[in-house]
Amino acid sequence: MTTLSRRTWPSFTALGTCLIAVAALTGGCAGMSNQEKSTAIGAGAGAVGGAILTGGSTAGTLGGAAIGGIIGHETNKSGR
């Protein structure tokens, strides 16, 4: 059984904070279209994924958010 070092705990705290923030912010999306919701969800998921893959770097988080937002936007275009 492996134990978590003190160094890994801030990562879990940051990830938990991000997930809570995304959950809280998506509750305020009632007036958004489905495409706007998909874009926001994709950006949030991309930001979390980018942060995890790059060890929490700002560039990785922002890059993941941008890519996730684009994917979310494109997957739910009107008329498809």
C-alpha atoms as a PDB file:
ATOM      1  CA  MET A   1       0.000   0.000   0.000  1.00  0.00           C
ATOM      2  CA  THR A   2       1.421   3.344  -0.979  1.00  0.00           C
ATOM      3  CA  THR A   3       1.135   6.431   1.121  1.00  0.00           C
ATOM      4  CA  LEU A   4       0.630   9.910  -0.184  1.00  0.00           C
ATOM      5  CA  SER A   5       3.409  12.323   0.536  1.00  0.00           C
ATOM      6  CA  ARG A   6       2.751  15.822   1.812  1.00  0.00           C
ATOM      7  CA  ARG A   7       3.626  17.121  -1.624  1.00  0.00           C
ATOM      8  CA  THR A   8       0.634  15.469  -3.339  1.00  0.00           C
ATOM      9  CA  TRP A   9      -1.986  16.940  -0.996  1.00  0.00           C
ATOM     10  CA  PRO A  10      -1.989  20.467  -2.469  1.00  0.00           C
ATOM     11  CA  SER A  11      -2.793  18.900  -5.844  1.00  0.00           C
ATOM     12  CA  PHE A  12      -5.827  17.153  -4.393  1.00  0.00           C
ATOM     13  CA  THR A  13      -6.904  20.362  -2.684  1.00  0.00           C
ATOM     14  CA  ALA A  14      -6.602  22.363  -5.900  1.00  0.00           C
ATOM     15  CA  LEU A  15      -8.468  19.702  -7.879  1.00  0.00           C
ATOM     16  CA  GLY A  16     -11.260  19.564  -5.303  1.00  0.00           C
ATOM     17  CA  THR A  17     -11.542  23.341  -5.299  1.00  0.00           C
ATOM     18  CA  CYS A  18     -11.772  23.399  -9.093  1.00  0.00           C
ATOM     19  CA  LEU A  19     -14.454  20.733  -9.142  1.00  0.00           C
ATOM     20  CA  ILE A  20     -16.527  22.553  -6.514  1.00  0.00           C
ATOM     21  CA  ALA A  21     -16.178  25.827  -8.425  1.00  0.00           C
ATOM     22  CA  VAL A  22     -17.280  24.204 -11.692  1.00  0.00           C
ATOM     23  CA  ALA A  23     -20.271  22.592  -9.990  1.00  0.00           C
ATOM     24  CA  ALA A  24     -21.289  25.882  -8.385  1.00  0.00           C
ATOM     25  CA  LEU A  25     -20.875  27.878 -11.581  1.00  0.00           C
ATOM     26  CA  THR A  26     -22.809  25.472 -13.778  1.00  0.00           C
ATOM     27  CA  GLY A  27     -25.841  26.001 -11.544  1.00  0.00           C
ATOM     28  CA  GLY A  28     -25.975  29.582 -12.814  1.00  0.00           C
ATOM     29  CA  CYS A  29     -26.190  28.507 -16.456  1.00  0.00           C
ATOM     30  CA  ALA A  30     -29.990  28.363 -16.700  1.00  0.00           C
ATOM     31  CA  GLY A  31     -30.159  31.107 -19.328  1.00  0.00           C
ATOM     32  CA  MET A  32     -27.449  29.612 -21.533  1.00  0.00           C
ATOM     33  CA  SER A  33     -27.998  27.723 -24.755  1.00  0.00           C
ATOM     34  CA  ASN A  34     -26.947  24.084 -24.994  1.00  0.00           C
ATOM     35  CA  GLN A  35     -23.912  25.081 -27.046  1.00  0.00           C
ATOM     36  CA  GLU A  36     -22.826  27.641 -24.439  1.00  0.00           C
ATOM     37  CA  LYS A  37     -23.234  25.049 -21.681  1.00  0.00           C
ATOM     38  CA  SER A  38     -21.179  22.521 -23.652  1.00  0.00           C
ATOM     39  CA  THR A  39     -18.461  25.113 -24.176  1.00  0.00           C
ATOM     40  CA  ALA A  40     -18.340  25.954 -20.464  1.00  0.00           C
ATOM     41  CA  ILE A  41     -18.318  22.305 -19.408  1.00  0.00           C
ATOM     42  CA  GLY A  42     -15.597  21.505 -21.949  1.00  0.00           C
ATOM     43  CA  ALA A  43     -13.480  24.412 -20.729  1.00  0.00           C
ATOM     44  CA  GLY A  44     -13.860  23.325 -17.107  1.00  0.00           C
ATOM     45  CA  ALA A  45     -13.039  19.712 -17.850  1.00  0.00           C
ATOM     46  CA  GLY A  46     -10.108  20.757 -20.039  1.00  0.00           C
ATOM     47  CA  ALA A  47      -8.738  23.015 -17.318  1.00  0.00           C
ATOM     48  CA  VAL A  48      -8.841  20.196 -14.773  1.00  0.00           C
ATOM     49  CA  GLY A  49      -7.279  17.775 -17.256  1.00  0.00           C
ATOM     50  CA  GLY A  50      -4.571  20.245 -18.229  1.00  0.00           C
ATOM     51  CA  ALA A  51      -3.765  20.943 -14.599  1.00  0.00           C
ATOM     52  CA  ILE A  52      -3.499  17.238 -13.816  1.00  0.00           C
ATOM     53  CA  LEU A  53      -1.358  16.414 -16.841  1.00  0.00           C
ATOM     54  CA  THR A  54       1.087  19.293 -16.290  1.00  0.00           C
ATOM     55  CA  GLY A  55       1.326  19.156 -12.523  1.00  0.00           C
ATOM     56  CA  GLY A  56      -0.741  22.302 -12.014  1.00  0.00           C
ATOM     57  CA  SER A  57       1.136  24.655 -14.318  1.00  0.00           C
ATOM     58  CA  THR A  58      -0.709  27.770 -15.398  1.00  0.00           C
ATOM     59  CA  ALA A  59       0.048  27.209 -19.068  1.00  0.00           C
ATOM     60  CA  GLY A  60      -1.232  23.640 -18.925  1.00  0.00           C
ATOM     61  CA  THR A  61      -4.416  24.680 -17.149  1.00  0.00           C
ATOM     62  CA  LEU A  62      -5.145  27.525 -19.577  1.00  0.00           C
ATOM     63  CA  GLY A  63      -4.243  25.399 -22.587  1.00  0.00           C
ATOM     64  CA  GLY A  64      -6.508  22.601 -21.387  1.00  0.00           C
ATOM     65  CA  ALA A  65      -9.341  25.071 -20.820  1.00  0.00           C
ATOM     66  CA  ALA A  66      -8.940  26.505 -24.323  1.00  0.00           C
ATOM     67  CA  ILE A  67      -8.843  23.114 -26.015  1.00  0.00           C
ATOM     68  CA  GLY A  68     -11.725  21.779 -23.918  1.00  0.00           C
ATOM     69  CA  GLY A  69     -13.813  24.865 -24.667  1.00  0.00           C
ATOM     70  CA  ILE A  70     -13.232  24.489 -28.402  1.00  0.00           C
ATOM     71  CA  ILE A  71     -14.133  20.795 -28.309  1.00  0.00           C
ATOM     72  CA  GLY A  72     -17.258  21.483 -26.252  1.00  0.00           C
ATOM     73  CA  HIS A  73     -18.285  24.259 -28.627  1.00  0.00           C
ATOM     74  CA  GLU A  74     -17.770  22.191 -31.747  1.00  0.00           C
ATOM     75  CA  THR A  75     -19.515  19.047 -30.470  1.00  0.00           C
ATOM     76  CA  ASN A  76     -22.789  20.825 -29.866  1.00  0.00           C
ATOM     77  CA  LYS A  77     -23.213  23.127 -32.844  1.00  0.00           C
ATOM     78  CA  SER A  78     -26.742  24.133 -33.804  1.00  0.00           C
ATOM     79  CA  GLY A  79     -28.247  22.241 -36.700  1.00  0.00           C
ATOM     80  CA  ARG A  80     -26.203  19.053 -36.272  1.00  0.00           C
END
